[in-house]
Structure formats: structure tokens, C-alpha cells
Amino acid sequence: MQEIREARLRGVKIGAVLTGSHCTIKDVIPQLWLLKEEGADIYPIFSYTVNEVDNRFYKVGELKEQIKEITDKEIINSIVGAEPIGPQKILDIVVVAPATGNSIAKLANGIVDTPALMAIKAQLRNQRPVVIAISTNDALGINAKNIGMLLNMKNIFFVPFRQDDPVKKANSMVAALDLLRDTIVCALQGKQIQPVILGPVKS
């Protein structure tokens, strides 16, 4: 079974976009290792916030060292650096994990003002797949309409997501990152993995 899994992404060029849901990035790192183990060639792309802001969850310098260890590539951290993804057709798929409410809102409304958003725009220009793994406190609030718009947009696919704390944060939703690899495999075939909305985690 392990050999089959490793073959699924062998040679696939993945743009791994990290945006500033700082608390979720610790859960993304193991998934990047798993993508690498399955044979993916990973190109790291940081939003300005991830690239510049130390926080209580990680120090930027330490995060960059981790990412370079996983990918063995320089991090794309500028709009100019991300722009060639379009004309040079560098990537097979772009994965945004985590995708903040801010980035989701900008993407849904055609705003491109960070390296992350430029990478997404450049990939969509080529009519190639983009996978979104949301992590936002307002998914069922002000950002619900933006998520709805993206769900209906060509070449955009979502990692299945759920409410992470319905009692204390009723509007908050987060992607089930353990389904990231399966979502990527489906998206490369032009398919949205189902179901998109998951039930709450059983205690």
C-alpha cells in the first residue's frame, strides 16, 4: 500500500503556499513531509506575513529552515518571484495551506497584493488546479460568501473542512489536513474530493 501512495505524486510539481494562520502552520509541516515522501517536488511560497512576522507559534527564521529542509528550494517570498509561475508554467498544482480568511477574500475579489495571491493567479492563468485548505474564524460569517464564490470557480478545489470549535467559535472552520494528499490527487484529475463539508470531530 505504501508503494502505491508514493507513486501517486511522483514528479508532480507542487507550489506550497503558506499564508498567515500561524496556529495552523505547525499542522501543515508534517503534510509537506508526506507530500515529499510521496514523490512530490515542492516549491515553497510565503505570504508577506509568514515571511516576516515572528509570533507565539514559531520564529520566522526557524520556519524557513524547516521549509528549506523539506523542499531543498529557496522560498518564493515576493510578487516578482511568484509571477513567473504563470508564463513559465512551472507548477502542476498550487496548494494553499493554510488559507486565511484574508487571502480567501482577496482571491474571491481579484486582489493580488502578496506573493501568495500572485502564485494563485499565475496558476489559474494556466488553467491549472489550485487547492485551498481553509483556516479562518469567519468562514460561516463575513467570509461565507467568498468561500461560496471560490467553490464555484473553475480549477479551484477545496480540502474538506469542518467547524473546529462550534461552541466557542461558531463561525470558525478549518481544513482536514489529513485529506490534503487525497484532495491533490483528485484535483490533478479535475475532480473535487467529496464530501466537502465534514461533521464535527468526535470527542
N, C-alpha and C. Protein backbone atom coordinates (compact mmCIF):
# COMPACT_ATOMS: atom_id res chain seq x y z
N MET A 1 0.84 -1.21 0.00
CA MET A 1 0.00 0.00 0.00
C MET A 1 0.87 1.25 0.00
N GLN A 2 1.98 1.21 0.76
CA GLN A 2 2.87 2.37 0.83
C GLN A 2 3.46 2.69 -0.53
N GLU A 3 3.82 1.67 -1.31
CA GLU A 3 4.40 1.91 -2.63
C GLU A 3 3.39 2.59 -3.55
N ILE A 4 2.11 2.21 -3.44
CA ILE A 4 1.08 2.84 -4.26
C ILE A 4 0.96 4.30 -3.91
N ARG A 5 0.97 4.61 -2.62
CA ARG A 5 0.85 6.00 -2.20
C ARG A 5 2.03 6.83 -2.69
N GLU A 6 3.22 6.29 -2.60
CA GLU A 6 4.39 7.04 -3.01
C GLU A 6 4.35 7.34 -4.50
N ALA A 7 3.75 6.47 -5.29
CA ALA A 7 3.72 6.66 -6.74
C ALA A 7 2.73 7.75 -7.15
N ARG A 8 1.77 8.08 -6.29
CA ARG A 8 0.69 8.97 -6.70
C ARG A 8 1.19 10.36 -7.09
N LEU A 9 2.19 10.86 -6.40
CA LEU A 9 2.65 12.24 -6.64
C LEU A 9 4.09 12.30 -7.14
N ARG A 10 4.59 11.20 -7.61
CA ARG A 10 5.98 11.18 -8.07
C ARG A 10 6.16 12.13 -9.25
N GLY A 11 7.07 13.08 -9.09
CA GLY A 11 7.38 14.03 -10.15
C GLY A 11 6.41 15.18 -10.28
N VAL A 12 5.38 15.22 -9.45
CA VAL A 12 4.40 16.31 -9.52
C VAL A 12 4.99 17.57 -8.87
N LYS A 13 4.94 18.67 -9.58
CA LYS A 13 5.49 19.93 -9.08
C LYS A 13 4.39 20.70 -8.36
N ILE A 14 4.58 20.82 -7.04
CA ILE A 14 3.56 21.44 -6.19
C ILE A 14 4.07 22.76 -5.64
N GLY A 15 3.31 23.84 -5.86
CA GLY A 15 3.59 25.10 -5.20
C GLY A 15 2.90 25.10 -3.85
N ALA A 16 3.66 25.12 -2.77
CA ALA A 16 3.10 25.08 -1.42
C ALA A 16 3.05 26.50 -0.87
N VAL A 17 1.85 27.08 -0.86
CA VAL A 17 1.65 28.45 -0.42
C VAL A 17 1.24 28.45 1.05
N LEU A 18 2.00 29.16 1.87
CA LEU A 18 1.66 29.31 3.28
C LEU A 18 1.21 30.74 3.54
N THR A 19 0.01 30.90 4.10
CA THR A 19 -0.46 32.22 4.50
C THR A 19 -0.63 32.23 6.02
N GLY A 20 -0.95 33.42 6.57
CA GLY A 20 -0.72 33.68 7.97
C GLY A 20 -1.69 33.18 9.02
N SER A 21 -2.23 31.99 8.87
CA SER A 21 -2.92 31.36 10.00
C SER A 21 -1.84 30.68 10.84
N HIS A 22 -1.17 31.46 11.66
CA HIS A 22 0.05 31.00 12.32
C HIS A 22 -0.17 29.73 13.15
N CYS A 23 -1.32 29.63 13.79
CA CYS A 23 -1.57 28.48 14.66
C CYS A 23 -1.72 27.17 13.89
N THR A 24 -1.98 27.26 12.59
CA THR A 24 -2.22 26.06 11.78
C THR A 24 -0.95 25.57 11.09
N ILE A 25 0.04 26.41 10.99
CA ILE A 25 1.24 26.05 10.21
C ILE A 25 1.94 24.84 10.80
N LYS A 26 1.90 24.69 12.12
CA LYS A 26 2.52 23.51 12.73
C LYS A 26 1.91 22.21 12.23
N ASP A 27 0.64 22.26 11.82
CA ASP A 27 -0.03 21.08 11.29
C ASP A 27 0.22 20.88 9.80
N VAL A 28 0.64 21.94 9.13
CA VAL A 28 0.94 21.86 7.70
C VAL A 28 2.30 21.21 7.46
N ILE A 29 3.25 21.50 8.33
CA ILE A 29 4.63 20.99 8.15
C ILE A 29 4.67 19.48 7.95
N PRO A 30 4.01 18.67 8.81
CA PRO A 30 4.04 17.22 8.58
C PRO A 30 3.44 16.81 7.25
N GLN A 31 2.45 17.55 6.78
CA GLN A 31 1.83 17.24 5.49
C GLN A 31 2.80 17.48 4.33
N LEU A 32 3.63 18.51 4.47
CA LEU A 32 4.64 18.76 3.43
C LEU A 32 5.65 17.61 3.38
N TRP A 33 6.02 17.10 4.56
CA TRP A 33 6.91 15.93 4.57
C TRP A 33 6.26 14.74 3.86
N LEU A 34 4.97 14.53 4.11
CA LEU A 34 4.27 13.41 3.48
C LEU A 34 4.18 13.59 1.96
N LEU A 35 3.96 14.83 1.52
CA LEU A 35 3.95 15.09 0.08
C LEU A 35 5.31 14.75 -0.54
N LYS A 36 6.36 15.12 0.16
CA LYS A 36 7.70 14.81 -0.33
C LYS A 36 7.93 13.31 -0.38
N GLU A 37 7.46 12.61 0.66
CA GLU A 37 7.63 11.16 0.71
C GLU A 37 6.88 10.47 -0.43
N GLU A 38 5.80 11.09 -0.88
CA GLU A 38 5.04 10.52 -2.00
C GLU A 38 5.63 10.91 -3.35
N GLY A 39 6.76 11.61 -3.33
CA GLY A 39 7.48 11.88 -4.57
C GLY A 39 7.30 13.27 -5.14
N ALA A 40 6.55 14.15 -4.45
CA ALA A 40 6.30 15.49 -4.98
C ALA A 40 7.55 16.35 -4.95
N ASP A 41 7.64 17.24 -5.92
CA ASP A 41 8.69 18.26 -6.00
C ASP A 41 8.04 19.57 -5.53
N ILE A 42 8.45 20.05 -4.35
CA ILE A 42 7.71 21.13 -3.67
C ILE A 42 8.44 22.46 -3.81
N TYR A 43 7.68 23.49 -4.22
CA TYR A 43 8.18 24.85 -4.36
C TYR A 43 7.51 25.70 -3.28
N PRO A 44 8.24 26.15 -2.25
CA PRO A 44 7.62 26.90 -1.16
C PRO A 44 7.36 28.36 -1.52
N ILE A 45 6.19 28.85 -1.13
CA ILE A 45 5.79 30.23 -1.41
C ILE A 45 5.19 30.81 -0.13
N PHE A 46 5.71 31.94 0.34
CA PHE A 46 5.24 32.55 1.58
C PHE A 46 4.48 33.84 1.31
N SER A 47 3.41 34.06 2.05
CA SER A 47 2.80 35.38 2.09
C SER A 47 3.74 36.32 2.84
N TYR A 48 3.50 37.61 2.73
CA TYR A 48 4.35 38.57 3.45
C TYR A 48 4.32 38.31 4.95
N THR A 49 3.14 38.02 5.48
CA THR A 49 3.02 37.81 6.92
C THR A 49 3.84 36.62 7.39
N VAL A 50 3.74 35.51 6.71
CA VAL A 50 4.51 34.32 7.09
C VAL A 50 6.00 34.58 6.94
N ASN A 51 6.37 35.33 5.94
CA ASN A 51 7.78 35.58 5.66
C ASN A 51 8.43 36.52 6.67
N GLU A 52 7.62 37.36 7.33
CA GLU A 52 8.22 38.46 8.11
C GLU A 52 7.87 38.49 9.60
N VAL A 53 6.80 37.84 10.02
CA VAL A 53 6.27 38.08 11.36
C VAL A 53 6.56 36.92 12.31
N ASP A 54 7.43 37.15 13.30
CA ASP A 54 7.58 36.21 14.40
C ASP A 54 6.28 36.23 15.23
N ASN A 55 5.93 35.10 15.80
CA ASN A 55 4.72 35.03 16.60
C ASN A 55 4.87 33.96 17.67
N ARG A 56 3.83 33.76 18.46
CA ARG A 56 3.95 32.83 19.58
C ARG A 56 3.99 31.36 19.15
N PHE A 57 3.72 31.10 17.87
CA PHE A 57 3.72 29.73 17.39
C PHE A 57 5.05 29.32 16.74
N TYR A 58 5.77 30.28 16.20
CA TYR A 58 7.07 29.98 15.58
C TYR A 58 7.85 31.26 15.35
N LYS A 59 9.16 31.09 15.20
CA LYS A 59 10.03 32.17 14.76
C LYS A 59 10.25 32.01 13.26
N VAL A 60 10.22 33.11 12.54
CA VAL A 60 10.31 33.07 11.09
C VAL A 60 11.57 32.35 10.63
N GLY A 61 12.70 32.64 11.25
CA GLY A 61 13.96 32.02 10.85
C GLY A 61 13.91 30.50 10.98
N GLU A 62 13.33 30.02 12.06
CA GLU A 62 13.23 28.58 12.28
C GLU A 62 12.28 27.93 11.28
N LEU A 63 11.18 28.62 10.99
CA LEU A 63 10.24 28.09 9.99
C LEU A 63 10.91 27.98 8.63
N LYS A 64 11.64 29.00 8.24
CA LYS A 64 12.30 28.97 6.94
C LYS A 64 13.30 27.83 6.86
N GLU A 65 14.01 27.56 7.94
CA GLU A 65 14.95 26.44 7.95
C GLU A 65 14.23 25.12 7.76
N GLN A 66 13.08 24.96 8.44
CA GLN A 66 12.28 23.75 8.28
C GLN A 66 11.82 23.56 6.84
N ILE A 67 11.32 24.63 6.26
CA ILE A 67 10.79 24.54 4.90
C ILE A 67 11.90 24.23 3.89
N LYS A 68 13.05 24.85 4.06
CA LYS A 68 14.15 24.58 3.15
C LYS A 68 14.66 23.15 3.29
N GLU A 69 14.59 22.62 4.52
CA GLU A 69 14.99 21.22 4.73
C GLU A 69 14.05 20.27 3.99
N ILE A 70 12.76 20.59 4.02
CA ILE A 70 11.77 19.73 3.36
C ILE A 70 11.88 19.84 1.84
N THR A 71 11.99 21.05 1.34
CA THR A 71 11.85 21.28 -0.11
C THR A 71 13.17 21.35 -0.86
N ASP A 72 14.23 21.70 -0.16
CA ASP A 72 15.55 21.90 -0.78
C ASP A 72 15.48 22.98 -1.86
N LYS A 73 14.63 23.98 -1.60
CA LYS A 73 14.49 25.09 -2.55
C LYS A 73 14.43 26.42 -1.80
N GLU A 74 14.80 27.49 -2.50
CA GLU A 74 14.65 28.82 -1.94
C GLU A 74 13.17 29.18 -1.87
N ILE A 75 12.80 29.90 -0.84
CA ILE A 75 11.40 30.29 -0.66
C ILE A 75 11.07 31.46 -1.58
N ILE A 76 9.95 31.36 -2.28
CA ILE A 76 9.44 32.48 -3.08
C ILE A 76 8.67 33.39 -2.14
N ASN A 77 9.15 34.61 -1.95
CA ASN A 77 8.55 35.50 -0.94
C ASN A 77 8.34 36.91 -1.46
N SER A 78 8.21 37.04 -2.78
CA SER A 78 7.92 38.35 -3.38
C SER A 78 6.97 38.15 -4.56
N ILE A 79 6.26 39.21 -4.89
CA ILE A 79 5.36 39.16 -6.05
C ILE A 79 6.17 38.92 -7.32
N VAL A 80 7.30 39.57 -7.43
CA VAL A 80 8.17 39.40 -8.61
C VAL A 80 8.64 37.95 -8.71
N GLY A 81 8.94 37.33 -7.57
CA GLY A 81 9.39 35.95 -7.58
C GLY A 81 8.30 34.97 -7.98
N ALA A 82 7.04 35.31 -7.64
CA ALA A 82 5.93 34.40 -7.92
C ALA A 82 5.38 34.55 -9.34
N GLU A 83 5.56 35.71 -9.94
CA GLU A 83 4.96 35.99 -11.25
C GLU A 83 5.35 35.00 -12.35
N PRO A 84 6.61 34.51 -12.40
CA PRO A 84 6.98 33.58 -13.49
C PRO A 84 6.24 32.25 -13.47
N ILE A 85 5.56 31.94 -12.36
CA ILE A 85 4.79 30.69 -12.31
C ILE A 85 3.80 30.63 -13.47
N GLY A 86 3.29 31.78 -13.88
CA GLY A 86 2.35 31.82 -14.99
C GLY A 86 3.00 31.58 -16.33
N PRO A 87 3.82 32.52 -16.82
CA PRO A 87 4.36 32.37 -18.18
C PRO A 87 5.29 31.18 -18.35
N GLN A 88 5.98 30.78 -17.28
CA GLN A 88 6.91 29.65 -17.41
C GLN A 88 6.25 28.30 -17.14
N LYS A 89 4.98 28.34 -16.72
CA LYS A 89 4.23 27.10 -16.46
C LYS A 89 5.02 26.15 -15.56
N ILE A 90 5.47 26.67 -14.44
CA ILE A 90 6.39 25.93 -13.56
C ILE A 90 5.70 24.79 -12.82
N LEU A 91 4.46 25.00 -12.38
CA LEU A 91 3.82 24.09 -11.42
C LEU A 91 2.68 23.29 -12.03
N ASP A 92 2.53 22.06 -11.53
CA ASP A 92 1.37 21.25 -11.91
C ASP A 92 0.16 21.62 -11.07
N ILE A 93 0.40 22.01 -9.81
CA ILE A 93 -0.69 22.33 -8.90
C ILE A 93 -0.17 23.27 -7.82
N VAL A 94 -1.03 24.16 -7.36
CA VAL A 94 -0.72 25.05 -6.24
C VAL A 94 -1.61 24.66 -5.07
N VAL A 95 -1.01 24.54 -3.89
CA VAL A 95 -1.74 24.18 -2.68
C VAL A 95 -1.58 25.32 -1.68
N VAL A 96 -2.69 25.89 -1.24
CA VAL A 96 -2.68 26.98 -0.27
C VAL A 96 -3.08 26.40 1.08
N ALA A 97 -2.09 26.21 1.96
CA ALA A 97 -2.33 25.58 3.25
C ALA A 97 -1.36 26.14 4.30
N PRO A 98 -1.89 26.87 5.26
CA PRO A 98 -3.29 27.22 5.45
C PRO A 98 -3.68 28.43 4.58
N ALA A 99 -4.97 28.51 4.29
CA ALA A 99 -5.51 29.66 3.55
C ALA A 99 -6.34 30.51 4.52
N THR A 100 -5.88 31.71 4.81
CA THR A 100 -6.59 32.57 5.76
C THR A 100 -7.84 33.18 5.14
N GLY A 101 -8.70 33.70 6.01
CA GLY A 101 -9.87 34.43 5.54
C GLY A 101 -9.49 35.64 4.71
N ASN A 102 -8.41 36.29 5.08
CA ASN A 102 -7.95 37.47 4.35
C ASN A 102 -7.56 37.09 2.92
N SER A 103 -6.79 36.03 2.77
CA SER A 103 -6.38 35.60 1.42
C SER A 103 -7.57 35.09 0.61
N ILE A 104 -8.49 34.39 1.27
CA ILE A 104 -9.69 33.90 0.58
C ILE A 104 -10.51 35.07 0.04
N ALA A 105 -10.69 36.10 0.89
CA ALA A 105 -11.48 37.26 0.48
C ALA A 105 -10.83 37.98 -0.70
N LYS A 106 -9.53 38.15 -0.65
CA LYS A 106 -8.83 38.82 -1.73
C LYS A 106 -8.90 38.01 -3.02
N LEU A 107 -8.68 36.71 -2.91
CA LEU A 107 -8.73 35.85 -4.10
C LEU A 107 -10.11 35.91 -4.75
N ALA A 108 -11.15 35.82 -3.94
CA ALA A 108 -12.52 35.83 -4.47
C ALA A 108 -12.86 37.13 -5.17
N ASN A 109 -12.15 38.20 -4.79
CA ASN A 109 -12.44 39.52 -5.36
C ASN A 109 -11.34 40.04 -6.27
N GLY A 110 -10.46 39.16 -6.70
CA GLY A 110 -9.48 39.50 -7.72
C GLY A 110 -8.36 40.42 -7.26
N ILE A 111 -8.05 40.42 -5.96
CA ILE A 111 -6.99 41.27 -5.44
C ILE A 111 -5.70 40.47 -5.37
N VAL A 112 -4.63 41.01 -5.94
CA VAL A 112 -3.34 40.32 -5.98
C VAL A 112 -2.28 41.26 -5.41
N ASP A 113 -2.03 41.17 -4.11
CA ASP A 113 -1.08 42.08 -3.49
C ASP A 113 -0.08 41.38 -2.57
N THR A 114 0.04 40.07 -2.71
CA THR A 114 1.04 39.32 -1.94
C THR A 114 1.63 38.24 -2.85
N PRO A 115 2.79 37.68 -2.49
CA PRO A 115 3.35 36.57 -3.26
C PRO A 115 2.39 35.38 -3.35
N ALA A 116 1.66 35.12 -2.25
CA ALA A 116 0.72 34.00 -2.23
C ALA A 116 -0.36 34.18 -3.29
N LEU A 117 -0.94 35.35 -3.34
CA LEU A 117 -2.02 35.61 -4.29
C LEU A 117 -1.51 35.66 -5.72
N MET A 118 -0.30 36.16 -5.92
CA MET A 118 0.28 36.15 -7.26
C MET A 118 0.50 34.72 -7.75
N ALA A 119 0.96 33.85 -6.85
CA ALA A 119 1.18 32.46 -7.23
C ALA A 119 -0.13 31.80 -7.66
N ILE A 120 -1.21 32.09 -6.92
CA ILE A 120 -2.51 31.52 -7.25
C ILE A 120 -2.98 32.06 -8.60
N LYS A 121 -2.90 33.38 -8.77
CA LYS A 121 -3.34 34.00 -10.02
C LYS A 121 -2.55 33.44 -11.20
N ALA A 122 -1.23 33.30 -11.02
CA ALA A 122 -0.38 32.80 -12.10
C ALA A 122 -0.77 31.38 -12.48
N GLN A 123 -1.10 30.55 -11.47
CA GLN A 123 -1.50 29.18 -11.74
C GLN A 123 -2.85 29.12 -12.46
N LEU A 124 -3.79 29.94 -12.02
CA LEU A 124 -5.11 29.95 -12.66
C LEU A 124 -5.03 30.47 -14.09
N ARG A 125 -4.09 31.36 -14.34
CA ARG A 125 -3.88 31.84 -15.72
C ARG A 125 -3.62 30.67 -16.66
N ASN A 126 -2.93 29.66 -16.15
CA ASN A 126 -2.60 28.49 -16.96
C ASN A 126 -3.71 27.44 -16.94
N GLN A 127 -4.83 27.76 -16.27
CA GLN A 127 -5.96 26.83 -16.16
C GLN A 127 -5.50 25.51 -15.54
N ARG A 128 -4.67 25.66 -14.52
CA ARG A 128 -4.18 24.52 -13.76
C ARG A 128 -4.74 24.58 -12.34
N PRO A 129 -4.79 23.45 -11.63
CA PRO A 129 -5.52 23.38 -10.37
C PRO A 129 -4.86 24.11 -9.20
N VAL A 130 -5.74 24.66 -8.36
CA VAL A 130 -5.36 25.28 -7.10
C VAL A 130 -6.17 24.62 -5.99
N VAL A 131 -5.52 24.15 -4.95
CA VAL A 131 -6.18 23.52 -3.81
C VAL A 131 -6.14 24.47 -2.63
N ILE A 132 -7.30 24.66 -1.98
CA ILE A 132 -7.43 25.57 -0.86
C ILE A 132 -7.71 24.77 0.41
N ALA A 133 -6.88 24.99 1.44
CA ALA A 133 -7.10 24.38 2.75
C ALA A 133 -7.37 25.50 3.74
N ILE A 134 -8.65 25.77 4.00
CA ILE A 134 -9.01 26.96 4.76
C ILE A 134 -8.68 26.82 6.24
N SER A 135 -8.40 27.97 6.85
CA SER A 135 -8.28 28.08 8.29
C SER A 135 -8.67 29.51 8.64
N THR A 136 -9.95 29.70 8.98
CA THR A 136 -10.44 31.06 9.18
C THR A 136 -11.55 31.10 10.22
N ASN A 137 -11.51 32.12 11.05
CA ASN A 137 -12.51 32.30 12.10
C ASN A 137 -13.83 32.84 11.58
N ASP A 138 -13.88 33.27 10.33
CA ASP A 138 -15.12 33.86 9.82
C ASP A 138 -15.68 33.11 8.61
N ALA A 139 -15.42 31.80 8.52
CA ALA A 139 -15.89 31.01 7.38
C ALA A 139 -17.42 30.98 7.30
N LEU A 140 -18.08 31.00 8.43
CA LEU A 140 -19.54 31.00 8.45
C LEU A 140 -20.09 32.39 8.76
N GLY A 141 -19.23 33.39 8.66
CA GLY A 141 -19.63 34.77 8.87
C GLY A 141 -19.40 35.57 7.61
N ILE A 142 -18.62 36.62 7.72
CA ILE A 142 -18.44 37.55 6.59
C ILE A 142 -17.74 36.90 5.40
N ASN A 143 -16.99 35.83 5.64
CA ASN A 143 -16.27 35.19 4.53
C ASN A 143 -17.05 34.06 3.87
N ALA A 144 -18.24 33.77 4.37
CA ALA A 144 -19.01 32.66 3.78
C ALA A 144 -19.28 32.89 2.30
N LYS A 145 -19.59 34.13 1.93
CA LYS A 145 -19.89 34.41 0.52
C LYS A 145 -18.65 34.22 -0.36
N ASN A 146 -17.47 34.55 0.19
CA ASN A 146 -16.24 34.40 -0.59
C ASN A 146 -15.90 32.93 -0.79
N ILE A 147 -16.07 32.13 0.24
CA ILE A 147 -15.85 30.69 0.10
C ILE A 147 -16.82 30.11 -0.93
N GLY A 148 -18.06 30.57 -0.88
CA GLY A 148 -19.05 30.12 -1.87
C GLY A 148 -18.65 30.47 -3.28
N MET A 149 -18.13 31.66 -3.47
CA MET A 149 -17.67 32.07 -4.80
C MET A 149 -16.54 31.16 -5.29
N LEU A 150 -15.60 30.85 -4.41
CA LEU A 150 -14.46 30.03 -4.81
C LEU A 150 -14.87 28.59 -5.06
N LEU A 151 -15.87 28.10 -4.31
CA LEU A 151 -16.36 26.74 -4.54
C LEU A 151 -16.93 26.57 -5.95
N ASN A 152 -17.37 27.66 -6.53
CA ASN A 152 -17.97 27.62 -7.87
C ASN A 152 -17.01 28.10 -8.96
N MET A 153 -15.75 28.30 -8.61
CA MET A 153 -14.79 28.81 -9.58
C MET A 153 -14.01 27.67 -10.23
N LYS A 154 -13.83 27.77 -11.51
CA LYS A 154 -13.12 26.75 -12.27
C LYS A 154 -11.69 26.60 -11.79
N ASN A 155 -11.24 25.36 -11.67
CA ASN A 155 -9.86 24.99 -11.33
C ASN A 155 -9.48 25.27 -9.87
N ILE A 156 -10.47 25.58 -9.02
CA ILE A 156 -10.22 25.70 -7.59
C ILE A 156 -10.91 24.55 -6.87
N PHE A 157 -10.15 23.89 -6.00
CA PHE A 157 -10.63 22.73 -5.27
C PHE A 157 -10.36 22.92 -3.78
N PHE A 158 -11.22 22.38 -2.94
CA PHE A 158 -11.08 22.56 -1.50
C PHE A 158 -10.74 21.25 -0.79
N VAL A 159 -9.80 21.35 0.15
CA VAL A 159 -9.63 20.27 1.11
C VAL A 159 -10.88 20.27 1.99
N PRO A 160 -11.51 19.13 2.22
CA PRO A 160 -12.70 19.10 3.06
C PRO A 160 -12.47 19.81 4.40
N PHE A 161 -13.49 20.54 4.86
CA PHE A 161 -13.32 21.34 6.08
C PHE A 161 -14.52 21.20 7.00
N ARG A 162 -14.31 21.61 8.26
CA ARG A 162 -15.34 21.48 9.29
C ARG A 162 -15.21 22.61 10.31
N GLN A 163 -16.26 22.79 11.10
CA GLN A 163 -16.17 23.67 12.26
C GLN A 163 -15.19 23.04 13.25
N ASP A 164 -14.24 23.84 13.72
CA ASP A 164 -13.25 23.30 14.65
C ASP A 164 -13.64 23.49 16.11
N ASP A 165 -14.54 24.44 16.39
CA ASP A 165 -15.00 24.65 17.77
C ASP A 165 -16.37 25.32 17.72
N PRO A 166 -17.43 24.54 17.44
CA PRO A 166 -18.76 25.12 17.23
C PRO A 166 -19.31 25.89 18.44
N VAL A 167 -18.85 25.56 19.64
CA VAL A 167 -19.36 26.22 20.84
C VAL A 167 -18.70 27.56 21.07
N LYS A 168 -17.38 27.59 21.06
CA LYS A 168 -16.65 28.81 21.38
C LYS A 168 -16.38 29.70 20.17
N LYS A 169 -16.31 29.08 18.96
CA LYS A 169 -16.02 29.84 17.74
C LYS A 169 -16.95 29.34 16.64
N ALA A 170 -18.21 29.73 16.73
CA ALA A 170 -19.24 29.15 15.86
C ALA A 170 -19.01 29.41 14.38
N ASN A 171 -18.32 30.49 14.03
CA ASN A 171 -18.09 30.82 12.61
C ASN A 171 -16.79 30.25 12.05
N SER A 172 -16.00 29.63 12.89
CA SER A 172 -14.67 29.17 12.51
C SER A 172 -14.72 27.80 11.84
N MET A 173 -13.93 27.67 10.75
CA MET A 173 -13.80 26.37 10.08
C MET A 173 -12.34 26.15 9.68
N VAL A 174 -11.96 24.89 9.65
CA VAL A 174 -10.58 24.55 9.31
C VAL A 174 -10.57 23.28 8.46
N ALA A 175 -9.61 23.22 7.55
CA ALA A 175 -9.49 22.06 6.66
C ALA A 175 -8.98 20.84 7.41
N ALA A 176 -9.43 19.69 6.97
CA ALA A 176 -8.93 18.41 7.49
C ALA A 176 -7.65 18.06 6.74
N LEU A 177 -6.52 18.46 7.30
CA LEU A 177 -5.26 18.36 6.56
C LEU A 177 -4.84 16.93 6.28
N ASP A 178 -5.39 15.98 7.01
CA ASP A 178 -5.07 14.59 6.71
C ASP A 178 -5.64 14.15 5.36
N LEU A 179 -6.55 14.98 4.81
CA LEU A 179 -7.11 14.69 3.48
C LEU A 179 -6.43 15.51 2.37
N LEU A 180 -5.37 16.20 2.71
CA LEU A 180 -4.70 17.06 1.73
C LEU A 180 -4.18 16.27 0.54
N ARG A 181 -3.50 15.18 0.79
CA ARG A 181 -2.92 14.42 -0.32
C ARG A 181 -4.00 13.83 -1.23
N ASP A 182 -5.05 13.29 -0.64
CA ASP A 182 -6.14 12.75 -1.45
C ASP A 182 -6.81 13.85 -2.27
N THR A 183 -6.94 15.05 -1.67
CA THR A 183 -7.53 16.18 -2.39
C THR A 183 -6.68 16.55 -3.59
N ILE A 184 -5.36 16.56 -3.42
CA ILE A 184 -4.45 16.90 -4.50
C ILE A 184 -4.57 15.89 -5.64
N VAL A 185 -4.61 14.61 -5.29
CA VAL A 185 -4.73 13.57 -6.32
C VAL A 185 -6.01 13.76 -7.12
N CYS A 186 -7.11 14.05 -6.43
CA CYS A 186 -8.38 14.28 -7.13
C CYS A 186 -8.32 15.53 -8.00
N ALA A 187 -7.75 16.61 -7.45
CA ALA A 187 -7.69 17.88 -8.18
C ALA A 187 -6.86 17.74 -9.45
N LEU A 188 -5.81 16.96 -9.41
CA LEU A 188 -4.99 16.74 -10.60
C LEU A 188 -5.78 16.03 -11.70
N GLN A 189 -6.86 15.37 -11.30
CA GLN A 189 -7.76 14.71 -12.26
C GLN A 189 -8.97 15.59 -12.58
N GLY A 190 -8.97 16.82 -12.06
CA GLY A 190 -10.08 17.73 -12.30
C GLY A 190 -11.31 17.45 -11.46
N LYS A 191 -11.14 16.76 -10.34
CA LYS A 191 -12.26 16.36 -9.50
C LYS A 191 -12.16 16.97 -8.11
N GLN A 192 -13.31 17.36 -7.56
CA GLN A 192 -13.40 17.82 -6.18
C GLN A 192 -13.67 16.62 -5.28
N ILE A 193 -12.78 16.38 -4.34
CA ILE A 193 -12.99 15.29 -3.38
C ILE A 193 -14.28 15.56 -2.60
N GLN A 194 -14.98 14.51 -2.26
CA GLN A 194 -16.24 14.63 -1.53
C GLN A 194 -16.22 13.78 -0.25
N PRO A 195 -16.98 14.16 0.77
CA PRO A 195 -17.74 15.40 0.88
C PRO A 195 -16.84 16.59 1.17
N VAL A 196 -17.29 17.78 0.82
CA VAL A 196 -16.51 18.99 1.08
C VAL A 196 -16.67 19.45 2.52
N ILE A 197 -17.88 19.35 3.05
CA ILE A 197 -18.15 19.76 4.43
C ILE A 197 -18.22 18.52 5.31
N LEU A 198 -17.41 18.50 6.35
CA LEU A 198 -17.34 17.36 7.25
C LEU A 198 -18.08 17.63 8.54
N GLY A 199 -18.49 16.57 9.21
CA GLY A 199 -19.09 16.71 10.53
C GLY A 199 -18.04 17.04 11.56
N PRO A 200 -18.46 17.41 12.77
CA PRO A 200 -17.52 17.77 13.83
C PRO A 200 -16.66 16.57 14.24
N VAL A 201 -15.49 16.86 14.78
CA VAL A 201 -14.62 15.81 15.28
C VAL A 201 -15.28 15.15 16.49
N LYS A 202 -15.32 13.83 16.51
CA LYS A 202 -15.92 13.13 17.64
C LYS A 202 -14.97 13.13 18.82
N SER A 203 -15.49 13.49 19.98
CA SER A 203 -14.65 13.56 21.19
C SER A 203 -14.48 12.18 21.79
